[in-house]
Amino acid sequence: MKLRDIVEDKAIIPALASTTRDDAIAELVDALVSAKAITAGFRDECIAEIIKREKKGSTGFGHGVAVPHVKHAAIE
């Protein structure tokens, strides 16, 4: 499987408006909701799970690039 196969095109944000980690995660999750990749009812739980994952270890590569992610039973 290639990363391209699981990335939701409609949720890509080339330039985030957010300046903090938590706000950026919320902005990205909101983009997933807008793209209908996840339901609005799952938004807050998804944000909380991603932040919990980030606290274990950053998904940042440096130079403003990161791939925040988490495994969850509700997401295929």
PDB file of N, CA and C in Angstrom:
ATOM      1  N   MET A   1       0.847  -1.174   0.000  1.00  0.00           N
ATOM      2  CA  MET A   1       0.000   0.000   0.000  1.00  0.00           C
ATOM      3  C   MET A   1       0.896   1.242   0.000  1.00  0.00           C
ATOM      4  N   LYS A   2       0.481   2.210  -0.753  1.00  0.00           N
ATOM      5  CA  LYS A   2       1.211   3.464  -0.831  1.00  0.00           C
ATOM      6  C   LYS A   2       0.472   4.528  -0.021  1.00  0.00           C
ATOM      7  N   LEU A   3       1.227   5.472   0.512  1.00  0.00           N
ATOM      8  CA  LEU A   3       0.627   6.572   1.276  1.00  0.00           C
ATOM      9  C   LEU A   3      -0.459   7.255   0.460  1.00  0.00           C
ATOM     10  N   ARG A   4      -0.243   7.386  -0.816  1.00  0.00           N
ATOM     11  CA  ARG A   4      -1.205   8.033  -1.709  1.00  0.00           C
ATOM     12  C   ARG A   4      -2.563   7.325  -1.686  1.00  0.00           C
ATOM     13  N   ASP A   5      -2.557   6.032  -1.397  1.00  0.00           N
ATOM     14  CA  ASP A   5      -3.795   5.256  -1.372  1.00  0.00           C
ATOM     15  C   ASP A   5      -4.671   5.567  -0.164  1.00  0.00           C
ATOM     16  N   ILE A   6      -4.088   6.133   0.889  1.00  0.00           N
ATOM     17  CA  ILE A   6      -4.869   6.391   2.096  1.00  0.00           C
ATOM     18  C   ILE A   6      -5.039   7.876   2.419  1.00  0.00           C
ATOM     19  N   VAL A   7      -4.407   8.740   1.644  1.00  0.00           N
ATOM     20  CA  VAL A   7      -4.521  10.180   1.878  1.00  0.00           C
ATOM     21  C   VAL A   7      -5.816  10.694   1.248  1.00  0.00           C
ATOM     22  N   GLU A   8      -6.559  11.462   2.002  1.00  0.00           N
ATOM     23  CA  GLU A   8      -7.810  12.052   1.524  1.00  0.00           C
ATOM     24  C   GLU A   8      -7.475  13.397   0.862  1.00  0.00           C
ATOM     25  N   ASP A   9      -7.536  13.452  -0.461  1.00  0.00           N
ATOM     26  CA  ASP A   9      -7.170  14.667  -1.211  1.00  0.00           C
ATOM     27  C   ASP A   9      -7.898  15.916  -0.732  1.00  0.00           C
ATOM     28  N   LYS A  10      -9.172  15.772  -0.434  1.00  0.00           N
ATOM     29  CA  LYS A  10      -9.988  16.929  -0.045  1.00  0.00           C
ATOM     30  C   LYS A  10      -9.633  17.453   1.344  1.00  0.00           C
ATOM     31  N   ALA A  11      -8.808  16.709   2.085  1.00  0.00           N
ATOM     32  CA  ALA A  11      -8.437  17.127   3.440  1.00  0.00           C
ATOM     33  C   ALA A  11      -7.012  17.671   3.511  1.00  0.00           C
ATOM     34  N   ILE A  12      -6.357  17.798   2.372  1.00  0.00           N
ATOM     35  CA  ILE A  12      -4.992  18.329   2.354  1.00  0.00           C
ATOM     36  C   ILE A  12      -5.030  19.840   2.547  1.00  0.00           C
ATOM     37  N   ILE A  13      -4.227  20.322   3.489  1.00  0.00           N
ATOM     38  CA  ILE A  13      -4.134  21.761   3.767  1.00  0.00           C
ATOM     39  C   ILE A  13      -2.671  22.162   3.552  1.00  0.00           C
ATOM     40  N   PRO A  14      -2.368  22.816   2.431  1.00  0.00           N
ATOM     41  CA  PRO A  14      -0.970  23.169   2.149  1.00  0.00           C
ATOM     42  C   PRO A  14      -0.362  24.157   3.143  1.00  0.00           C
ATOM     43  N   ALA A  15      -1.172  25.059   3.654  1.00  0.00           N
ATOM     44  CA  ALA A  15      -0.666  26.065   4.601  1.00  0.00           C
ATOM     45  C   ALA A  15      -1.667  26.190   5.755  1.00  0.00           C
ATOM     46  N   LEU A  16      -1.312  25.633   6.892  1.00  0.00           N
ATOM     47  CA  LEU A  16      -2.196  25.703   8.059  1.00  0.00           C
ATOM     48  C   LEU A  16      -2.264  27.124   8.601  1.00  0.00           C
ATOM     49  N   ALA A  17      -3.408  27.498   9.112  1.00  0.00           N
ATOM     50  CA  ALA A  17      -3.571  28.794   9.773  1.00  0.00           C
ATOM     51  C   ALA A  17      -3.101  28.703  11.226  1.00  0.00           C
ATOM     52  N   SER A  18      -3.149  27.516  11.792  1.00  0.00           N
ATOM     53  CA  SER A  18      -2.815  27.303  13.203  1.00  0.00           C
ATOM     54  C   SER A  18      -1.317  27.434  13.458  1.00  0.00           C
ATOM     55  N   THR A  19      -1.001  27.855  14.689  1.00  0.00           N
ATOM     56  CA  THR A  19       0.409  28.022  15.062  1.00  0.00           C
ATOM     57  C   THR A  19       0.827  27.131  16.228  1.00  0.00           C
ATOM     58  N   THR A  20      -0.117  26.409  16.828  1.00  0.00           N
ATOM     59  CA  THR A  20       0.222  25.494  17.911  1.00  0.00           C
ATOM     60  C   THR A  20      -0.107  24.070  17.489  1.00  0.00           C
ATOM     61  N   ARG A  21       0.531  23.109  18.144  1.00  0.00           N
ATOM     62  CA  ARG A  21       0.314  21.700  17.824  1.00  0.00           C
ATOM     63  C   ARG A  21      -1.159  21.320  17.921  1.00  0.00           C
ATOM     64  N   ASP A  22      -1.782  21.627  19.050  1.00  0.00           N
ATOM     65  CA  ASP A  22      -3.167  21.212  19.265  1.00  0.00           C
ATOM     66  C   ASP A  22      -4.123  21.886  18.289  1.00  0.00           C
ATOM     67  N   ASP A  23      -3.895  23.155  18.010  1.00  0.00           N
ATOM     68  CA  ASP A  23      -4.748  23.860  17.040  1.00  0.00           C
ATOM     69  C   ASP A  23      -4.559  23.292  15.630  1.00  0.00           C
ATOM     70  N   ALA A  24      -3.323  22.946  15.294  1.00  0.00           N
ATOM     71  CA  ALA A  24      -3.054  22.365  13.974  1.00  0.00           C
ATOM     72  C   ALA A  24      -3.741  21.010  13.833  1.00  0.00           C
ATOM     73  N   ILE A  25      -3.692  20.204  14.882  1.00  0.00           N
ATOM     74  CA  ILE A  25      -4.364  18.907  14.847  1.00  0.00           C
ATOM     75  C   ILE A  25      -5.871  19.110  14.664  1.00  0.00           C
ATOM     76  N   ALA A  26      -6.447  20.042  15.392  1.00  0.00           N
ATOM     77  CA  ALA A  26      -7.878  20.326  15.254  1.00  0.00           C
ATOM     78  C   ALA A  26      -8.201  20.795  13.836  1.00  0.00           C
ATOM     79  N   GLU A  27      -7.346  21.631  13.274  1.00  0.00           N
ATOM     80  CA  GLU A  27      -7.561  22.120  11.909  1.00  0.00           C
ATOM     81  C   GLU A  27      -7.528  20.960  10.908  1.00  0.00           C
ATOM     82  N   LEU A  28      -6.598  20.043  11.090  1.00  0.00           N
ATOM     83  CA  LEU A  28      -6.499  18.888  10.203  1.00  0.00           C
ATOM     84  C   LEU A  28      -7.707  17.958  10.350  1.00  0.00           C
ATOM     85  N   VAL A  29      -8.130  17.727  11.575  1.00  0.00           N
ATOM     86  CA  VAL A  29      -9.303  16.872  11.798  1.00  0.00           C
ATOM     87  C   VAL A  29     -10.549  17.543  11.225  1.00  0.00           C
ATOM     88  N   ASP A  30     -10.663  18.849  11.373  1.00  0.00           N
ATOM     89  CA  ASP A  30     -11.799  19.558  10.778  1.00  0.00           C
ATOM     90  C   ASP A  30     -11.811  19.404   9.254  1.00  0.00           C
ATOM     91  N   ALA A  31     -10.634  19.361   8.649  1.00  0.00           N
ATOM     92  CA  ALA A  31     -10.554  19.140   7.206  1.00  0.00           C
ATOM     93  C   ALA A  31     -11.044  17.740   6.847  1.00  0.00           C
ATOM     94  N   LEU A  32     -10.748  16.762   7.695  1.00  0.00           N
ATOM     95  CA  LEU A  32     -11.255  15.405   7.467  1.00  0.00           C
ATOM     96  C   LEU A  32     -12.773  15.350   7.592  1.00  0.00           C
ATOM     97  N   VAL A  33     -13.305  16.095   8.553  1.00  0.00           N
ATOM     98  CA  VAL A  33     -14.763  16.167   8.710  1.00  0.00           C
ATOM     99  C   VAL A  33     -15.383  16.827   7.478  1.00  0.00           C
ATOM    100  N   SER A  34     -14.809  17.933   7.032  1.00  0.00           N
ATOM    101  CA  SER A  34     -15.330  18.637   5.847  1.00  0.00           C
ATOM    102  C   SER A  34     -15.279  17.759   4.600  1.00  0.00           C
ATOM    103  N   ALA A  35     -14.247  16.924   4.517  1.00  0.00           N
ATOM    104  CA  ALA A  35     -14.103  16.022   3.372  1.00  0.00           C
ATOM    105  C   ALA A  35     -14.955  14.763   3.515  1.00  0.00           C
ATOM    106  N   LYS A  36     -15.658  14.666   4.651  1.00  0.00           N
ATOM    107  CA  LYS A  36     -16.509  13.518   4.956  1.00  0.00           C
ATOM    108  C   LYS A  36     -15.710  12.217   5.078  1.00  0.00           C
ATOM    109  N   ALA A  37     -14.446  12.351   5.480  1.00  0.00           N
ATOM    110  CA  ALA A  37     -13.615  11.179   5.724  1.00  0.00           C
ATOM    111  C   ALA A  37     -13.886  10.618   7.116  1.00  0.00           C
ATOM    112  N   ILE A  38     -14.329  11.481   8.040  1.00  0.00           N
ATOM    113  CA  ILE A  38     -14.786  11.066   9.360  1.00  0.00           C
ATOM    114  C   ILE A  38     -16.046  11.856   9.687  1.00  0.00           C
ATOM    115  N   THR A  39     -16.822  11.354  10.634  1.00  0.00           N
ATOM    116  CA  THR A  39     -18.065  12.048  10.995  1.00  0.00           C
ATOM    117  C   THR A  39     -17.786  13.154  12.002  1.00  0.00           C
ATOM    118  N   ALA A  40     -18.638  14.151  11.997  1.00  0.00           N
ATOM    119  CA  ALA A  40     -18.493  15.272  12.934  1.00  0.00           C
ATOM    120  C   ALA A  40     -18.590  14.800  14.380  1.00  0.00           C
ATOM    121  N   GLY A  41     -19.375  13.764  14.627  1.00  0.00           N
ATOM    122  CA  GLY A  41     -19.517  13.233  15.974  1.00  0.00           C
ATOM    123  C   GLY A  41     -18.248  12.582  16.507  1.00  0.00           C
ATOM    124  N   PHE A  42     -17.332  12.235  15.634  1.00  0.00           N
ATOM    125  CA  PHE A  42     -16.079  11.593  16.004  1.00  0.00           C
ATOM    126  C   PHE A  42     -14.947  12.621  16.164  1.00  0.00           C
ATOM    127  N   ARG A  43     -15.209  13.881  15.827  1.00  0.00           N
ATOM    128  CA  ARG A  43     -14.183  14.929  15.807  1.00  0.00           C
ATOM    129  C   ARG A  43     -13.400  15.048  17.116  1.00  0.00           C
ATOM    130  N   ASP A  44     -14.096  15.289  18.210  1.00  0.00           N
ATOM    131  CA  ASP A  44     -13.424  15.542  19.482  1.00  0.00           C
ATOM    132  C   ASP A  44     -12.618  14.335  19.961  1.00  0.00           C
ATOM    133  N   GLU A  45     -13.178  13.144  19.802  1.00  0.00           N
ATOM    134  CA  GLU A  45     -12.452  11.931  20.198  1.00  0.00           C
ATOM    135  C   GLU A  45     -11.201  11.748  19.338  1.00  0.00           C
ATOM    136  N   CYS A  46     -11.329  12.014  18.064  1.00  0.00           N
ATOM    137  CA  CYS A  46     -10.199  11.882  17.149  1.00  0.00           C
ATOM    138  C   CYS A  46      -9.077  12.846  17.535  1.00  0.00           C
ATOM    139  N   ILE A  47      -9.420  14.090  17.808  1.00  0.00           N
ATOM    140  CA  ILE A  47      -8.433  15.083  18.236  1.00  0.00           C
ATOM    141  C   ILE A  47      -7.748  14.629  19.514  1.00  0.00           C
ATOM    142  N   ALA A  48      -8.524  14.179  20.482  1.00  0.00           N
ATOM    143  CA  ALA A  48      -7.964  13.735  21.761  1.00  0.00           C
ATOM    144  C   ALA A  48      -7.009  12.557  21.575  1.00  0.00           C
ATOM    145  N   GLU A  49      -7.370  11.608  20.720  1.00  0.00           N
ATOM    146  CA  GLU A  49      -6.524  10.437  20.484  1.00  0.00           C
ATOM    147  C   GLU A  49      -5.221  10.817  19.782  1.00  0.00           C
ATOM    148  N   ILE A  50      -5.301  11.740  18.829  1.00  0.00           N
ATOM    149  CA  ILE A  50      -4.083  12.172  18.132  1.00  0.00           C
ATOM    150  C   ILE A  50      -3.161  12.918  19.088  1.00  0.00           C
ATOM    151  N   ILE A  51      -3.707  13.787  19.912  1.00  0.00           N
ATOM    152  CA  ILE A  51      -2.888  14.513  20.889  1.00  0.00           C
ATOM    153  C   ILE A  51      -2.255  13.538  21.877  1.00  0.00           C
ATOM    154  N   LYS A  52      -3.020  12.540  22.313  1.00  0.00           N
ATOM    155  CA  LYS A  52      -2.485  11.510  23.214  1.00  0.00           C
ATOM    156  C   LYS A  52      -1.310  10.790  22.546  1.00  0.00           C
ATOM    157  N   ARG A  53      -1.449  10.475  21.263  1.00  0.00           N
ATOM    158  CA  ARG A  53      -0.372   9.815  20.503  1.00  0.00           C
ATOM    159  C   ARG A  53       0.843  10.738  20.393  1.00  0.00           C
ATOM    160  N   GLU A  54       0.625  12.014  20.134  1.00  0.00           N
ATOM    161  CA  GLU A  54       1.727  12.971  20.001  1.00  0.00           C
ATOM    162  C   GLU A  54       2.511  13.116  21.311  1.00  0.00           C
ATOM    163  N   LYS A  55       1.823  12.963  22.429  1.00  0.00           N
ATOM    164  CA  LYS A  55       2.501  13.067  23.726  1.00  0.00           C
ATOM    165  C   LYS A  55       3.444  11.889  23.964  1.00  0.00           C
ATOM    166  N   LYS A  56       3.180  10.759  23.327  1.00  0.00           N
ATOM    167  CA  LYS A  56       4.059   9.595  23.429  1.00  0.00           C
ATOM    168  C   LYS A  56       5.320   9.790  22.594  1.00  0.00           C
ATOM    169  N   GLY A  57       5.176  10.508  21.489  1.00  0.00           N
ATOM    170  CA  GLY A  57       6.295  10.757  20.584  1.00  0.00           C
ATOM    171  C   GLY A  57       5.824  11.575  19.408  1.00  0.00           C
ATOM    172  N   SER A  58       6.541  12.605  19.111  1.00  0.00           N
ATOM    173  CA  SER A  58       6.155  13.503  18.030  1.00  0.00           C
ATOM    174  C   SER A  58       6.183  12.801  16.677  1.00  0.00           C
ATOM    175  N   THR A  59       5.234  13.144  15.827  1.00  0.00           N
ATOM    176  CA  THR A  59       5.215  12.639  14.456  1.00  0.00           C
ATOM    177  C   THR A  59       5.820  13.673  13.502  1.00  0.00           C
ATOM    178  N   GLY A  60       6.469  14.683  14.072  1.00  0.00           N
ATOM    179  CA  GLY A  60       7.098  15.723  13.262  1.00  0.00           C
ATOM    180  C   GLY A  60       8.424  15.271  12.678  1.00  0.00           C
ATOM    181  N   PHE A  61       8.671  15.681  11.442  1.00  0.00           N
ATOM    182  CA  PHE A  61       9.931  15.397  10.759  1.00  0.00           C
ATOM    183  C   PHE A  61      10.902  16.559  10.908  1.00  0.00           C
ATOM    184  N   GLY A  62      10.365  17.739  11.218  1.00  0.00           N
ATOM    185  CA  GLY A  62      11.175  18.955  11.281  1.00  0.00           C
ATOM    186  C   GLY A  62      10.821  19.878  10.135  1.00  0.00           C
ATOM    187  N   HIS A  63      11.270  21.123  10.226  1.00  0.00           N
ATOM    188  CA  HIS A  63      11.010  22.130   9.185  1.00  0.00           C
ATOM    189  C   HIS A  63       9.516  22.311   8.924  1.00  0.00           C
ATOM    190  N   GLY A  64       8.699  22.162   9.967  1.00  0.00           N
ATOM    191  CA  GLY A  64       7.266  22.381   9.835  1.00  0.00           C
ATOM    192  C   GLY A  64       6.499  21.234   9.205  1.00  0.00           C
ATOM    193  N   VAL A  65       7.111  20.068   9.088  1.00  0.00           N
ATOM    194  CA  VAL A  65       6.453  18.920   8.468  1.00  0.00           C
ATOM    195  C   VAL A  65       6.188  17.858   9.528  1.00  0.00           C
ATOM    196  N   ALA A  66       4.938  17.360   9.546  1.00  0.00           N
ATOM    197  CA  ALA A  66       4.553  16.303  10.479  1.00  0.00           C
ATOM    198  C   ALA A  66       3.441  15.473   9.851  1.00  0.00           C
ATOM    199  N   VAL A  67       3.285  14.276  10.356  1.00  0.00           N
ATOM    200  CA  VAL A  67       2.202  13.402   9.921  1.00  0.00           C
ATOM    201  C   VAL A  67       1.500  12.877  11.169  1.00  0.00           C
ATOM    202  N   PRO A  68       0.698  13.738  11.817  1.00  0.00           N
ATOM    203  CA  PRO A  68      -0.010  13.286  13.018  1.00  0.00           C
ATOM    204  C   PRO A  68      -0.987  12.174  12.645  1.00  0.00           C
ATOM    205  N   HIS A  69      -0.969  11.120  13.429  1.00  0.00           N
ATOM    206  CA  HIS A  69      -1.809   9.968  13.118  1.00  0.00           C
ATOM    207  C   HIS A  69      -2.039   9.132  14.369  1.00  0.00           C
ATOM    208  N   VAL A  70      -3.024   8.262  14.261  1.00  0.00           N
ATOM    209  CA  VAL A  70      -3.339   7.341  15.353  1.00  0.00           C
ATOM    210  C   VAL A  70      -4.143   6.180  14.758  1.00  0.00           C
ATOM    211  N   LYS A  71      -3.989   5.001  15.348  1.00  0.00           N
ATOM    212  CA  LYS A  71      -4.831   3.873  14.961  1.00  0.00           C
ATOM    213  C   LYS A  71      -6.077   3.905  15.827  1.00  0.00           C
ATOM    214  N   HIS A  72      -7.212   3.639  15.224  1.00  0.00           N
ATOM    215  CA  HIS A  72      -8.476   3.643  15.963  1.00  0.00           C
ATOM    216  C   HIS A  72      -9.418   2.631  15.348  1.00  0.00           C
ATOM    217  N   ALA A  73     -10.109   1.887  16.176  1.00  0.00           N
ATOM    218  CA  ALA A  73     -11.012   0.842  15.690  1.00  0.00           C
ATOM    219  C   ALA A  73     -12.116   1.383  14.788  1.00  0.00           C
ATOM    220  N   ALA A  74     -12.478   2.647  14.955  1.00  0.00           N
ATOM    221  CA  ALA A  74     -13.568   3.228  14.164  1.00  0.00           C
ATOM    222  C   ALA A  74     -13.135   3.667  12.763  1.00  0.00           C
ATOM    223  N   ILE A  75     -11.829   3.608  12.508  1.00  0.00           N
ATOM    224  CA  ILE A  75     -11.325   4.060  11.203  1.00  0.00           C
ATOM    225  C   ILE A  75     -10.641   2.908  10.511  1.00  0.00           C
ATOM    226  N   GLU A  76     -11.044   2.674   9.277  1.00  0.00           N
ATOM    227  CA  GLU A  76     -10.460   1.579   8.494  1.00  0.00           C
ATOM    228  C   GLU A  76      -9.072   1.943   8.020  1.00  0.00           C
TER     229      GLU A  76
END
